[in-house]
Each structure stands twice: as structure tokens, then as C-alpha cells.
Amino acid sequence: MGESISFWIGFGILIFTMLALDLGIFNRKEHKVSVKEAAKWVIVWVTVALLFNLFVLNELGKTKAMEFFTGYVIEYSLSVDNIFVFILIFSYFSVKPEYQHKILFWGILGALVMRGIFIFAGVALINKFHWIVIIFGAFLLLTGIKMLTQKEKPMDPEKNPVIRFFRKFFPVSESLHGGKLFAKEKGRYLATPLFLVLLVVESSDLIFAVDSIPAVLSISQDTFIVYTSNIFAILGLRSLYFAIAGVMGLFRYLKIGLAFVLSFVGVKMLASYFNFEVPIILSLLVIISILLISILASVFIKKR
């Protein structure tokens, strides 16, 4: 695993302490998260991530710290694409604003487990079969090209295979029961529509992980660095959703920028197989430049 087991234990304690404070104290009561409140939490999560990066710098050195920061930027930027999906899911199921925080909170707990499985499996495969970086690299490059060329398709969460499978084996209530995921009706327990929303959110994160984790693995194959940068980005994403969900339509070129980021890290991964390593600092500068250009283009280029 590379790092001391104490690092993993310390990271786990930090994350679960922050989540406990979040749900148990600051968001104990269901309420609509304001833009101001969300912005404060974005700052908190980014600050915690940067402080953790200082710890990595002090304990593991400059190279690992650069890998963490680059991985964090990649994962955070790619995760922004999730916000578009969250907006569609919550709109489709008519989820009230006061319940959205709870759904995203439990979604994060599921992501902690799923991302861990993906990352450890990915690193193990690369270490055992180095040629698999060609598959990862080609997949990222093709995904980037697909994002550039393919038109957006309307989303229908009810066609989600996870939802269809769940409905076959477990009854679902026709109406909401406040913020409950399960409720009792006529003597039997039913899943509420909110639980279906949670399933769609989790399955969506699984799909995004297929893209984002290989992208971070192009920067580092250290499981500690990849996992921690991944989790910090996901934790910050929830607050970012409430901060900018209402203005996501303004960043119409961001998806193009993300497509170029995926294509770049795909090419970088392919090049690494042939022993051509792109320096971490150069990768970071290229990724940040692409994202800044796409955001500035969205702001200054007028929509037809």
C-alpha cells in the first residue's frame, strides 16, 4: 500500500469526523441549503484538502504532494460534470431542496466504498499487467472524443437498470414520506421515491468513476494518493452543487474543456507505456489552462 497504515487510519478518522460534524451538527435539521452556506462549505472542504496536501508534502515529499494536488484538480473538475446529472435527477423526481443534501450525503458514503474498490483494483491491475495502461489510456482518449462529438441525449432515470432491478424485488411507495428512505405502509416496509433517487445518484457516480479514476491513475499509481485526492474532491462536490447549480448553464463550454482534459490524460497514459513521462508540473499547468480557457470562453463568448 506504500504508506504507513497509520496514514490510512488517520485519513479515515478525519473524513468520518468531518462527515459526522456535517450531518450530526451543522445539517441535523433538513433545510434548503443557501448559496452562502454552500459557499462556506466549499471553502472548508478545499481548505481541508490543501492542509492535507501540506501533510503529504511534509511526510511524503514534493513529488507525492504534486501528484495529490494534480489528482485533486482532475477529479474535482471531472466531478463538476456530475452536477449536471444531479440537477436532472432531482428535477425528474421533483426532490425538494431540503432533502437534496441528505441524498448527496448518503451518496458520498457509498462513493467512499465504490471508489476504494475501483482504485485498489486499478492499481493492482497496472502493477501486475503494465500493458493495461494502453487500455486505460485509449479508453480515456475515446471518451474525450465522444464527449466532443456526441450530442446530449435526454435522460430518463426510470430506465436506469439499477432502478428496474430494484423494483422487481422490493416494493416502492407511490408517495414521499418526508425525508425518509424507507417507510411503513399497511404493515409492510416500502422504499420511498427518495431511495430510488439515491440509487440513481450512486449508479451515476459509478459511471463517472469509470472515467475519472483512470484519469487520476495516469498521474499516480500510489493508492493512498489516488484515493485521498478522489475522496476530497467528492466531498467538496456536494457543497459545490448547492453553490453553483443555479448557474451551471452559464458554463456551456466547460464540458468541452473536460473532454480535452480526458483526452490529454489519455494521451499521457499511452505515452507512459512507451517510457515517455510527462512531468507532473506540466500536466497540472495544462489541465488548469484547459479549464480556465473553457470557463473564460463561457463567460466572454456571447451565446447565439
C-alpha atoms as a PDB file:
ATOM      1  CA  MET A   1       0.000   0.000   0.000  1.00  0.00           C
ATOM      2  CA  GLY A   2       3.035   2.256   0.022  1.00  0.00           C
ATOM      3  CA  GLU A   3       2.282   4.411   3.060  1.00  0.00           C
ATOM      4  CA  SER A   4       2.101   3.551   6.746  1.00  0.00           C
ATOM      5  CA  ILE A   5      -1.167   2.050   7.951  1.00  0.00           C
ATOM      6  CA  SER A   6      -1.343   4.931  10.425  1.00  0.00           C
ATOM      7  CA  PHE A   7      -1.801   7.338   7.476  1.00  0.00           C
ATOM      8  CA  TRP A   8      -4.842   5.370   6.326  1.00  0.00           C
ATOM      9  CA  ILE A   9      -6.299   5.244   9.833  1.00  0.00           C
ATOM     10  CA  GLY A  10      -5.706   8.970  10.318  1.00  0.00           C
ATOM     11  CA  PHE A  11      -7.338   9.780   6.974  1.00  0.00           C
ATOM     12  CA  GLY A  12     -10.349   7.610   7.818  1.00  0.00           C
ATOM     13  CA  ILE A  13     -10.782   9.297  11.201  1.00  0.00           C
ATOM     14  CA  LEU A  14     -10.525  12.750   9.580  1.00  0.00           C
ATOM     15  CA  ILE A  15     -13.148  12.018   6.917  1.00  0.00           C
ATOM     16  CA  PHE A  16     -15.685  10.362   9.196  1.00  0.00           C
ATOM     17  CA  THR A  17     -15.241  13.100  11.814  1.00  0.00           C
ATOM     18  CA  MET A  18     -15.950  15.758   9.188  1.00  0.00           C
ATOM     19  CA  LEU A  19     -18.982  13.851   7.900  1.00  0.00           C
ATOM     20  CA  ALA A  20     -20.294  13.324  11.433  1.00  0.00           C
ATOM     21  CA  LEU A  21     -19.983  17.045  12.153  1.00  0.00           C
ATOM     22  CA  ASP A  22     -21.654  17.836   8.841  1.00  0.00           C
ATOM     23  CA  LEU A  23     -24.718  15.607   9.293  1.00  0.00           C
ATOM     24  CA  GLY A  24     -24.911  15.388  13.078  1.00  0.00           C
ATOM     25  CA  ILE A  25     -24.404  19.039  13.986  1.00  0.00           C
ATOM     26  CA  PHE A  26     -24.397  21.521  11.100  1.00  0.00           C
ATOM     27  CA  ASN A  27     -27.080  19.832   8.982  1.00  0.00           C
ATOM     28  CA  ARG A  28     -29.012  17.871  11.584  1.00  0.00           C
ATOM     29  CA  LYS A  29     -32.274  19.508  10.535  1.00  0.00           C
ATOM     30  CA  GLU A  30     -33.449  19.149   6.957  1.00  0.00           C
ATOM     31  CA  HIS A  31     -33.382  22.559   5.276  1.00  0.00           C
ATOM     32  CA  LYS A  32     -32.765  24.230   1.968  1.00  0.00           C
ATOM     33  CA  VAL A  33     -29.033  24.880   1.623  1.00  0.00           C
ATOM     34  CA  SER A  34     -28.462  28.509   0.657  1.00  0.00           C
ATOM     35  CA  VAL A  35     -25.780  29.616  -1.788  1.00  0.00           C
ATOM     36  CA  LYS A  36     -23.994  31.446   1.051  1.00  0.00           C
ATOM     37  CA  GLU A  37     -23.957  28.364   3.294  1.00  0.00           C
ATOM     38  CA  ALA A  38     -22.806  26.136   0.424  1.00  0.00           C
ATOM     39  CA  ALA A  39     -20.011  28.575  -0.488  1.00  0.00           C
ATOM     40  CA  LYS A  40     -18.721  28.429   3.090  1.00  0.00           C
ATOM     41  CA  TRP A  41     -18.618  24.626   2.971  1.00  0.00           C
ATOM     42  CA  VAL A  42     -16.819  24.710  -0.396  1.00  0.00           C
ATOM     43  CA  ILE A  43     -14.136  26.855   1.231  1.00  0.00           C
ATOM     44  CA  VAL A  44     -13.982  24.493   4.226  1.00  0.00           C
ATOM     45  CA  TRP A  45     -13.532  21.349   2.093  1.00  0.00           C
ATOM     46  CA  VAL A  46     -10.971  22.959  -0.225  1.00  0.00           C
ATOM     47  CA  THR A  47      -9.038  24.279   2.790  1.00  0.00           C
ATOM     48  CA  VAL A  48      -9.035  20.841   4.450  1.00  0.00           C
ATOM     49  CA  ALA A  49      -7.807  19.284   1.179  1.00  0.00           C
ATOM     50  CA  LEU A  50      -4.994  21.839   0.880  1.00  0.00           C
ATOM     51  CA  LEU A  51      -3.979  21.323   4.524  1.00  0.00           C
ATOM     52  CA  PHE A  52      -3.916  17.590   3.887  1.00  0.00           C
ATOM     53  CA  ASN A  53      -1.704  18.286   0.867  1.00  0.00           C
ATOM     54  CA  LEU A  54       0.728  20.107   3.178  1.00  0.00           C
ATOM     55  CA  PHE A  55       0.781  16.977   5.333  1.00  0.00           C
ATOM     56  CA  VAL A  56       1.596  14.895   2.226  1.00  0.00           C
ATOM     57  CA  LEU A  57       4.354  17.373   1.325  1.00  0.00           C
ATOM     58  CA  ASN A  58       5.867  17.164   4.814  1.00  0.00           C
ATOM     59  CA  GLU A  59       5.582  13.381   5.205  1.00  0.00           C
ATOM     60  CA  LEU A  60       5.955  12.027   1.654  1.00  0.00           C
ATOM     61  CA  GLY A  61       7.818  14.717  -0.243  1.00  0.00           C
ATOM     62  CA  LYS A  62       7.310  17.193  -3.080  1.00  0.00           C
ATOM     63  CA  THR A  63       6.561  14.644  -5.822  1.00  0.00           C
ATOM     64  CA  LYS A  64       3.738  12.972  -3.884  1.00  0.00           C
ATOM     65  CA  ALA A  65       2.321  16.381  -2.953  1.00  0.00           C
ATOM     66  CA  MET A  66       2.263  17.400  -6.631  1.00  0.00           C
ATOM     67  CA  GLU A  67       0.600  14.095  -7.536  1.00  0.00           C
ATOM     68  CA  PHE A  68      -2.065  14.641  -4.876  1.00  0.00           C
ATOM     69  CA  PHE A  69      -2.803  18.204  -5.969  1.00  0.00           C
ATOM     70  CA  THR A  70      -2.927  17.303  -9.677  1.00  0.00           C
ATOM     71  CA  GLY A  71      -5.161  14.304  -8.961  1.00  0.00           C
ATOM     72  CA  TYR A  72      -7.404  16.509  -6.819  1.00  0.00           C
ATOM     73  CA  VAL A  73      -7.757  19.109  -9.598  1.00  0.00           C
ATOM     74  CA  ILE A  74      -8.523  16.426 -12.211  1.00  0.00           C
ATOM     75  CA  GLU A  75     -11.082  14.658 -10.041  1.00  0.00           C
ATOM     76  CA  TYR A  76     -12.739  17.886  -8.885  1.00  0.00           C
ATOM     77  CA  SER A  77     -13.017  19.242 -12.428  1.00  0.00           C
ATOM     78  CA  LEU A  78     -14.376  15.976 -13.827  1.00  0.00           C
ATOM     79  CA  SER A  79     -16.784  15.652 -10.907  1.00  0.00           C
ATOM     80  CA  VAL A  80     -18.323  19.017 -11.822  1.00  0.00           C
ATOM     81  CA  ASP A  81     -19.931  17.153 -14.718  1.00  0.00           C
ATOM     82  CA  ASN A  82     -21.867  15.203 -12.057  1.00  0.00           C
ATOM     83  CA  ILE A  83     -23.654  18.420 -11.133  1.00  0.00           C
ATOM     84  CA  PHE A  84     -25.465  18.441 -14.476  1.00  0.00           C
ATOM     85  CA  VAL A  85     -26.669  14.901 -13.760  1.00  0.00           C
ATOM     86  CA  PHE A  86     -27.713  15.725 -10.177  1.00  0.00           C
ATOM     87  CA  ILE A  87     -29.807  18.644 -11.454  1.00  0.00           C
ATOM     88  CA  LEU A  88     -31.577  16.360 -13.947  1.00  0.00           C
ATOM     89  CA  ILE A  89     -32.165  13.606 -11.361  1.00  0.00           C
ATOM     90  CA  PHE A  90     -33.561  15.936  -8.706  1.00  0.00           C
ATOM     91  CA  SER A  91     -35.730  17.715 -11.271  1.00  0.00           C
ATOM     92  CA  TYR A  92     -37.089  14.462 -12.716  1.00  0.00           C
ATOM     93  CA  PHE A  93     -38.072  13.081  -9.300  1.00  0.00           C
ATOM     94  CA  SER A  94     -39.193  16.518  -8.011  1.00  0.00           C
ATOM     95  CA  VAL A  95     -36.934  16.258  -4.957  1.00  0.00           C
ATOM     96  CA  LYS A  96     -37.440  19.219  -2.647  1.00  0.00           C
ATOM     97  CA  PRO A  97     -34.319  21.325  -1.927  1.00  0.00           C
ATOM     98  CA  GLU A  98     -34.407  20.461   1.788  1.00  0.00           C
ATOM     99  CA  TYR A  99     -33.987  16.729   1.007  1.00  0.00           C
ATOM    100  CA  GLN A 100     -31.215  17.046  -1.596  1.00  0.00           C
ATOM    101  CA  HIS A 101     -28.438  17.437   0.967  1.00  0.00           C
ATOM    102  CA  LYS A 102     -29.398  14.153   2.644  1.00  0.00           C
ATOM    103  CA  ILE A 103     -29.386  12.260  -0.671  1.00  0.00           C
ATOM    104  CA  LEU A 104     -25.953  13.584  -1.605  1.00  0.00           C
ATOM    105  CA  PHE A 105     -24.617  12.816   1.889  1.00  0.00           C
ATOM    106  CA  TRP A 106     -25.562   9.127   1.694  1.00  0.00           C
ATOM    107  CA  GLY A 107     -24.377   9.094  -1.895  1.00  0.00           C
ATOM    108  CA  ILE A 108     -20.930  10.134  -0.694  1.00  0.00           C
ATOM    109  CA  LEU A 109     -20.791   7.283   1.825  1.00  0.00           C
ATOM    110  CA  GLY A 110     -21.498   4.836  -0.994  1.00  0.00           C
ATOM    111  CA  ALA A 111     -18.852   6.520  -3.135  1.00  0.00           C
ATOM    112  CA  LEU A 112     -16.243   6.048  -0.368  1.00  0.00           C
ATOM    113  CA  VAL A 113     -16.625   2.290  -0.745  1.00  0.00           C
ATOM    114  CA  MET A 114     -17.049   2.073  -4.528  1.00  0.00           C
ATOM    115  CA  ARG A 115     -14.142   4.372  -5.303  1.00  0.00           C
ATOM    116  CA  GLY A 116     -11.910   2.417  -2.950  1.00  0.00           C
ATOM    117  CA  ILE A 117     -12.707  -0.851  -4.748  1.00  0.00           C
ATOM    118  CA  PHE A 118     -12.108   0.738  -8.166  1.00  0.00           C
ATOM    119  CA  ILE A 119      -8.822   2.361  -7.149  1.00  0.00           C
ATOM    120  CA  PHE A 120      -7.271  -0.678  -5.467  1.00  0.00           C
ATOM    121  CA  ALA A 121      -8.341  -2.875  -8.381  1.00  0.00           C
ATOM    122  CA  GLY A 122      -6.970  -0.394 -10.916  1.00  0.00           C
ATOM    123  CA  VAL A 123      -3.584  -0.060  -9.201  1.00  0.00           C
ATOM    124  CA  ALA A 124      -3.324  -3.844  -8.774  1.00  0.00           C
ATOM    125  CA  LEU A 125      -4.029  -4.380 -12.481  1.00  0.00           C
ATOM    126  CA  ILE A 126      -1.457  -1.784 -13.561  1.00  0.00           C
ATOM    127  CA  ASN A 127       1.201  -3.253 -11.247  1.00  0.00           C
ATOM    128  CA  LYS A 128       0.566  -6.800 -12.467  1.00  0.00           C
ATOM    129  CA  PHE A 129      -0.180  -6.080 -16.130  1.00  0.00           C
ATOM    130  CA  HIS A 130       1.616  -2.891 -17.160  1.00  0.00           C
ATOM    131  CA  TRP A 131       0.179  -3.112 -20.680  1.00  0.00           C
ATOM    132  CA  ILE A 132      -3.265  -2.332 -19.279  1.00  0.00           C
ATOM    133  CA  VAL A 133      -2.297   1.363 -19.240  1.00  0.00           C
ATOM    134  CA  ILE A 134      -2.793   1.208 -23.019  1.00  0.00           C
ATOM    135  CA  ILE A 135      -6.417   0.147 -22.483  1.00  0.00           C
ATOM    136  CA  PHE A 136      -6.974   2.844 -19.839  1.00  0.00           C
ATOM    137  CA  GLY A 137      -5.301   5.492 -21.979  1.00  0.00           C
ATOM    138  CA  ALA A 138      -7.223   4.554 -25.131  1.00  0.00           C
ATOM    139  CA  PHE A 139     -10.486   4.483 -23.158  1.00  0.00           C
ATOM    140  CA  LEU A 140      -9.900   7.997 -21.791  1.00  0.00           C
ATOM    141  CA  LEU A 141      -8.932   9.335 -25.214  1.00  0.00           C
ATOM    142  CA  LEU A 142     -12.022   7.828 -26.855  1.00  0.00           C
ATOM    143  CA  THR A 143     -14.224   9.108 -24.013  1.00  0.00           C
ATOM    144  CA  GLY A 144     -12.873  12.618 -24.541  1.00  0.00           C
ATOM    145  CA  ILE A 145     -13.529  12.425 -28.283  1.00  0.00           C
ATOM    146  CA  LYS A 146     -17.021  11.056 -27.624  1.00  0.00           C
ATOM    147  CA  MET A 147     -17.791  13.984 -25.287  1.00  0.00           C
ATOM    148  CA  LEU A 148     -16.744  16.399 -28.043  1.00  0.00           C
ATOM    149  CA  THR A 149     -18.700  14.798 -30.856  1.00  0.00           C
ATOM    150  CA  GLN A 150     -21.779  13.208 -29.307  1.00  0.00           C
ATOM    151  CA  LYS A 151     -24.958  15.212 -28.793  1.00  0.00           C
ATOM    152  CA  GLU A 152     -26.638  15.260 -25.405  1.00  0.00           C
ATOM    153  CA  LYS A 153     -29.406  12.686 -25.045  1.00  0.00           C
ATOM    154  CA  PRO A 154     -32.478  13.249 -22.843  1.00  0.00           C
ATOM    155  CA  MET A 155     -32.168  11.467 -19.514  1.00  0.00           C
ATOM    156  CA  ASP A 156     -34.863   9.096 -18.218  1.00  0.00           C
ATOM    157  CA  PRO A 157     -33.902   7.807 -14.726  1.00  0.00           C
ATOM    158  CA  GLU A 158     -36.775   5.310 -14.778  1.00  0.00           C
ATOM    159  CA  LYS A 159     -34.904   3.383 -17.487  1.00  0.00           C
ATOM    160  CA  ASN A 160     -31.893   3.043 -15.187  1.00  0.00           C
ATOM    161  CA  PRO A 161     -31.153  -0.730 -14.959  1.00  0.00           C
ATOM    162  CA  VAL A 162     -30.490  -0.427 -11.204  1.00  0.00           C
ATOM    163  CA  ILE A 163     -33.972   1.040 -10.669  1.00  0.00           C
ATOM    164  CA  ARG A 164     -35.597  -1.661 -12.808  1.00  0.00           C
ATOM    165  CA  PHE A 165     -33.761  -4.415 -10.934  1.00  0.00           C
ATOM    166  CA  PHE A 166     -34.657  -2.962  -7.519  1.00  0.00           C
ATOM    167  CA  ARG A 167     -38.363  -2.618  -8.384  1.00  0.00           C
ATOM    168  CA  LYS A 168     -38.527  -6.332  -9.208  1.00  0.00           C
ATOM    169  CA  PHE A 169     -37.550  -7.390  -5.695  1.00  0.00           C
ATOM    170  CA  PHE A 170     -38.655  -4.573  -3.410  1.00  0.00           C
ATOM    171  CA  PRO A 171     -41.955  -2.618  -3.306  1.00  0.00           C
ATOM    172  CA  VAL A 172     -41.770   1.141  -3.730  1.00  0.00           C
ATOM    173  CA  SER A 173     -44.138   3.684  -2.225  1.00  0.00           C
ATOM    174  CA  GLU A 174     -46.065   5.903  -4.641  1.00  0.00           C
ATOM    175  CA  SER A 175     -45.603   8.975  -2.473  1.00  0.00           C
ATOM    176  CA  LEU A 176     -42.890  10.641  -0.418  1.00  0.00           C
ATOM    177  CA  HIS A 177     -42.684  10.224   3.364  1.00  0.00           C
ATOM    178  CA  GLY A 178     -40.833  13.394   4.241  1.00  0.00           C
ATOM    179  CA  GLY A 179     -37.097  12.797   4.090  1.00  0.00           C
ATOM    180  CA  LYS A 180     -37.343   9.050   4.818  1.00  0.00           C
ATOM    181  CA  LEU A 181     -35.692   6.483   2.546  1.00  0.00           C
ATOM    182  CA  PHE A 182     -37.970   3.687   3.832  1.00  0.00           C
ATOM    183  CA  ALA A 183     -41.484   3.876   5.286  1.00  0.00           C
ATOM    184  CA  LYS A 184     -44.139   1.550   6.677  1.00  0.00           C
ATOM    185  CA  GLU A 185     -47.471   1.325   4.855  1.00  0.00           C
ATOM    186  CA  LYS A 186     -50.275  -1.089   5.764  1.00  0.00           C
ATOM    187  CA  GLY A 187     -47.978  -3.195   7.910  1.00  0.00           C
ATOM    188  CA  ARG A 188     -45.092  -3.581   5.458  1.00  0.00           C
ATOM    189  CA  TYR A 189     -41.947  -1.613   4.748  1.00  0.00           C
ATOM    190  CA  LEU A 190     -41.580   0.110   1.397  1.00  0.00           C
ATOM    191  CA  ALA A 191     -38.770   2.017  -0.240  1.00  0.00           C
ATOM    192  CA  THR A 192     -39.705   5.640  -0.888  1.00  0.00           C
ATOM    193  CA  PRO A 193     -39.030   7.526  -4.147  1.00  0.00           C
ATOM    194  CA  LEU A 194     -36.144   9.224  -2.314  1.00  0.00           C
ATOM    195  CA  PHE A 195     -34.392   5.858  -2.055  1.00  0.00           C
ATOM    196  CA  LEU A 196     -34.770   5.450  -5.831  1.00  0.00           C
ATOM    197  CA  VAL A 197     -33.140   8.856  -6.238  1.00  0.00           C
ATOM    198  CA  LEU A 198     -30.253   7.668  -4.050  1.00  0.00           C
ATOM    199  CA  LEU A 199     -29.850   4.554  -6.235  1.00  0.00           C
ATOM    200  CA  VAL A 200     -29.722   6.685  -9.390  1.00  0.00           C
ATOM    201  CA  VAL A 201     -27.155   9.027  -7.794  1.00  0.00           C
ATOM    202  CA  GLU A 202     -24.980   6.055  -6.741  1.00  0.00           C
ATOM    203  CA  SER A 203     -25.167   4.393 -10.171  1.00  0.00           C
ATOM    204  CA  SER A 204     -24.342   7.727 -11.835  1.00  0.00           C
ATOM    205  CA  ASP A 205     -21.260   8.083  -9.630  1.00  0.00           C
ATOM    206  CA  LEU A 206     -20.243   4.562 -10.608  1.00  0.00           C
ATOM    207  CA  ILE A 207     -20.373   5.542 -14.276  1.00  0.00           C
ATOM    208  CA  PHE A 208     -18.354   8.712 -13.665  1.00  0.00           C
ATOM    209  CA  ALA A 209     -15.782   6.742 -11.657  1.00  0.00           C
ATOM    210  CA  VAL A 210     -15.072   4.639 -14.749  1.00  0.00           C
ATOM    211  CA  ASP A 211     -13.818   7.837 -16.436  1.00  0.00           C
ATOM    212  CA  SER A 212     -12.276   9.747 -13.564  1.00  0.00           C
ATOM    213  CA  ILE A 213     -10.293   7.049 -11.753  1.00  0.00           C
ATOM    214  CA  PRO A 214      -8.210   6.005 -14.793  1.00  0.00           C
ATOM    215  CA  ALA A 215      -7.576   9.738 -15.341  1.00  0.00           C
ATOM    216  CA  VAL A 216      -6.088  10.095 -11.840  1.00  0.00           C
ATOM    217  CA  LEU A 217      -4.169   6.823 -12.271  1.00  0.00           C
ATOM    218  CA  SER A 218      -2.395   8.498 -15.192  1.00  0.00           C
ATOM    219  CA  ILE A 219      -0.891  10.872 -12.603  1.00  0.00           C
ATOM    220  CA  SER A 220      -0.055   8.393  -9.832  1.00  0.00           C
ATOM    221  CA  GLN A 221      -0.333   4.684  -9.069  1.00  0.00           C
ATOM    222  CA  ASP A 222       0.014   5.267  -5.327  1.00  0.00           C
ATOM    223  CA  THR A 223      -3.275   4.032  -3.827  1.00  0.00           C
ATOM    224  CA  PHE A 224      -3.056   6.444  -0.890  1.00  0.00           C
ATOM    225  CA  ILE A 225      -2.569   9.480  -3.141  1.00  0.00           C
ATOM    226  CA  VAL A 226      -5.217   8.424  -5.668  1.00  0.00           C
ATOM    227  CA  TYR A 227      -7.838   7.523  -3.059  1.00  0.00           C
ATOM    228  CA  THR A 228      -7.390  10.568  -0.813  1.00  0.00           C
ATOM    229  CA  SER A 229      -7.407  13.043  -3.718  1.00  0.00           C
ATOM    230  CA  ASN A 230     -10.505  11.300  -5.097  1.00  0.00           C
ATOM    231  CA  ILE A 231     -12.413  11.424  -1.812  1.00  0.00           C
ATOM    232  CA  PHE A 232     -11.570  15.055  -1.048  1.00  0.00           C
ATOM    233  CA  ALA A 233     -12.855  16.042  -4.496  1.00  0.00           C
ATOM    234  CA  ILE A 234     -16.119  14.129  -3.982  1.00  0.00           C
ATOM    235  CA  LEU A 235     -16.640  15.661  -0.535  1.00  0.00           C
ATOM    236  CA  GLY A 236     -16.231  19.152  -1.970  1.00  0.00           C
ATOM    237  CA  LEU A 237     -18.532  18.399  -4.894  1.00  0.00           C
ATOM    238  CA  ARG A 238     -21.682  18.222  -2.745  1.00  0.00           C
ATOM    239  CA  SER A 239     -21.243  21.774  -1.438  1.00  0.00           C
ATOM    240  CA  LEU A 240     -20.239  22.960  -4.898  1.00  0.00           C
ATOM    241  CA  TYR A 241     -23.526  21.596  -6.236  1.00  0.00           C
ATOM    242  CA  PHE A 242     -25.576  23.848  -3.947  1.00  0.00           C
ATOM    243  CA  ALA A 243     -23.270  26.806  -4.611  1.00  0.00           C
ATOM    244  CA  ILE A 244     -23.423  26.819  -8.415  1.00  0.00           C
ATOM    245  CA  ALA A 245     -26.291  24.532  -9.504  1.00  0.00           C
ATOM    246  CA  GLY A 246     -28.392  27.537 -10.436  1.00  0.00           C
ATOM    247  CA  VAL A 247     -25.754  28.988 -12.773  1.00  0.00           C
ATOM    248  CA  MET A 248     -24.340  25.813 -14.333  1.00  0.00           C
ATOM    249  CA  GLY A 249     -25.989  26.760 -17.636  1.00  0.00           C
ATOM    250  CA  LEU A 250     -23.604  29.714 -17.927  1.00  0.00           C
ATOM    251  CA  PHE A 251     -20.571  27.406 -18.244  1.00  0.00           C
ATOM    252  CA  ARG A 252     -21.608  25.953 -21.596  1.00  0.00           C
ATOM    253  CA  TYR A 253     -18.012  25.352 -22.760  1.00  0.00           C
ATOM    254  CA  LEU A 254     -16.963  23.538 -19.575  1.00  0.00           C
ATOM    255  CA  LYS A 255     -17.960  20.145 -20.999  1.00  0.00           C
ATOM    256  CA  ILE A 256     -15.669  20.779 -23.979  1.00  0.00           C
ATOM    257  CA  GLY A 257     -12.864  21.624 -21.568  1.00  0.00           C
ATOM    258  CA  LEU A 258     -13.464  18.401 -19.628  1.00  0.00           C
ATOM    259  CA  ALA A 259     -13.350  16.462 -22.900  1.00  0.00           C
ATOM    260  CA  PHE A 260      -9.914  17.922 -23.658  1.00  0.00           C
ATOM    261  CA  VAL A 261      -8.746  17.109 -20.098  1.00  0.00           C
ATOM    262  CA  LEU A 262      -9.767  13.463 -20.545  1.00  0.00           C
ATOM    263  CA  SER A 263      -8.103  13.329 -23.972  1.00  0.00           C
ATOM    264  CA  PHE A 264      -4.900  14.846 -22.566  1.00  0.00           C
ATOM    265  CA  VAL A 265      -4.598  12.407 -19.658  1.00  0.00           C
ATOM    266  CA  GLY A 266      -5.429   9.551 -22.062  1.00  0.00           C
ATOM    267  CA  VAL A 267      -2.538  10.530 -24.330  1.00  0.00           C
ATOM    268  CA  LYS A 268      -0.323  10.961 -21.247  1.00  0.00           C
ATOM    269  CA  MET A 269      -1.171   7.433 -20.111  1.00  0.00           C
ATOM    270  CA  LEU A 270      -0.467   5.976 -23.552  1.00  0.00           C
ATOM    271  CA  ALA A 271       2.871   7.822 -23.665  1.00  0.00           C
ATOM    272  CA  SER A 272       3.852   6.431 -20.248  1.00  0.00           C
ATOM    273  CA  TYR A 273       3.699   2.904 -21.638  1.00  0.00           C
ATOM    274  CA  PHE A 274       6.463   3.855 -24.085  1.00  0.00           C
ATOM    275  CA  ASN A 275       8.538   5.335 -21.232  1.00  0.00           C
ATOM    276  CA  PHE A 276       7.716   8.931 -22.158  1.00  0.00           C
ATOM    277  CA  GLU A 277       6.762  10.579 -18.895  1.00  0.00           C
ATOM    278  CA  VAL A 278       5.081  13.999 -18.870  1.00  0.00           C
ATOM    279  CA  PRO A 279       6.283  15.949 -15.783  1.00  0.00           C
ATOM    280  CA  ILE A 280       3.633  16.382 -13.084  1.00  0.00           C
ATOM    281  CA  ILE A 281       4.009  20.169 -13.037  1.00  0.00           C
ATOM    282  CA  LEU A 282       3.460  20.312 -16.808  1.00  0.00           C
ATOM    283  CA  SER A 283       0.376  18.101 -16.539  1.00  0.00           C
ATOM    284  CA  LEU A 284      -1.032  20.351 -13.821  1.00  0.00           C
ATOM    285  CA  LEU A 285      -0.429  23.513 -15.868  1.00  0.00           C
ATOM    286  CA  VAL A 286      -2.037  22.006 -18.982  1.00  0.00           C
ATOM    287  CA  ILE A 287      -5.125  20.831 -17.075  1.00  0.00           C
ATOM    288  CA  ILE A 288      -5.637  24.134 -15.242  1.00  0.00           C
ATOM    289  CA  SER A 289      -5.117  26.077 -18.504  1.00  0.00           C
ATOM    290  CA  ILE A 290      -7.751  23.993 -20.319  1.00  0.00           C
ATOM    291  CA  LEU A 291     -10.277  24.513 -17.529  1.00  0.00           C
ATOM    292  CA  LEU A 292      -9.620  28.265 -17.297  1.00  0.00           C
ATOM    293  CA  ILE A 293      -9.951  28.710 -21.066  1.00  0.00           C
ATOM    294  CA  SER A 294     -13.255  26.819 -21.150  1.00  0.00           C
ATOM    295  CA  ILE A 295     -14.664  28.884 -18.241  1.00  0.00           C
ATOM    296  CA  LEU A 296     -13.474  32.206 -19.716  1.00  0.00           C
ATOM    297  CA  ALA A 297     -14.892  31.241 -23.110  1.00  0.00           C
ATOM    298  CA  SER A 298     -18.244  30.514 -21.448  1.00  0.00           C
ATOM    299  CA  VAL A 299     -18.236  33.941 -19.810  1.00  0.00           C
ATOM    300  CA  PHE A 300     -16.992  36.138 -22.657  1.00  0.00           C
ATOM    301  CA  ILE A 301     -18.275  34.456 -25.830  1.00  0.00           C
ATOM    302  CA  LYS A 302     -21.861  35.503 -26.322  1.00  0.00           C
ATOM    303  CA  LYS A 303     -24.443  32.809 -26.908  1.00  0.00           C
ATOM    304  CA  ARG A 304     -26.055  32.903 -30.350  1.00  0.00           C
END
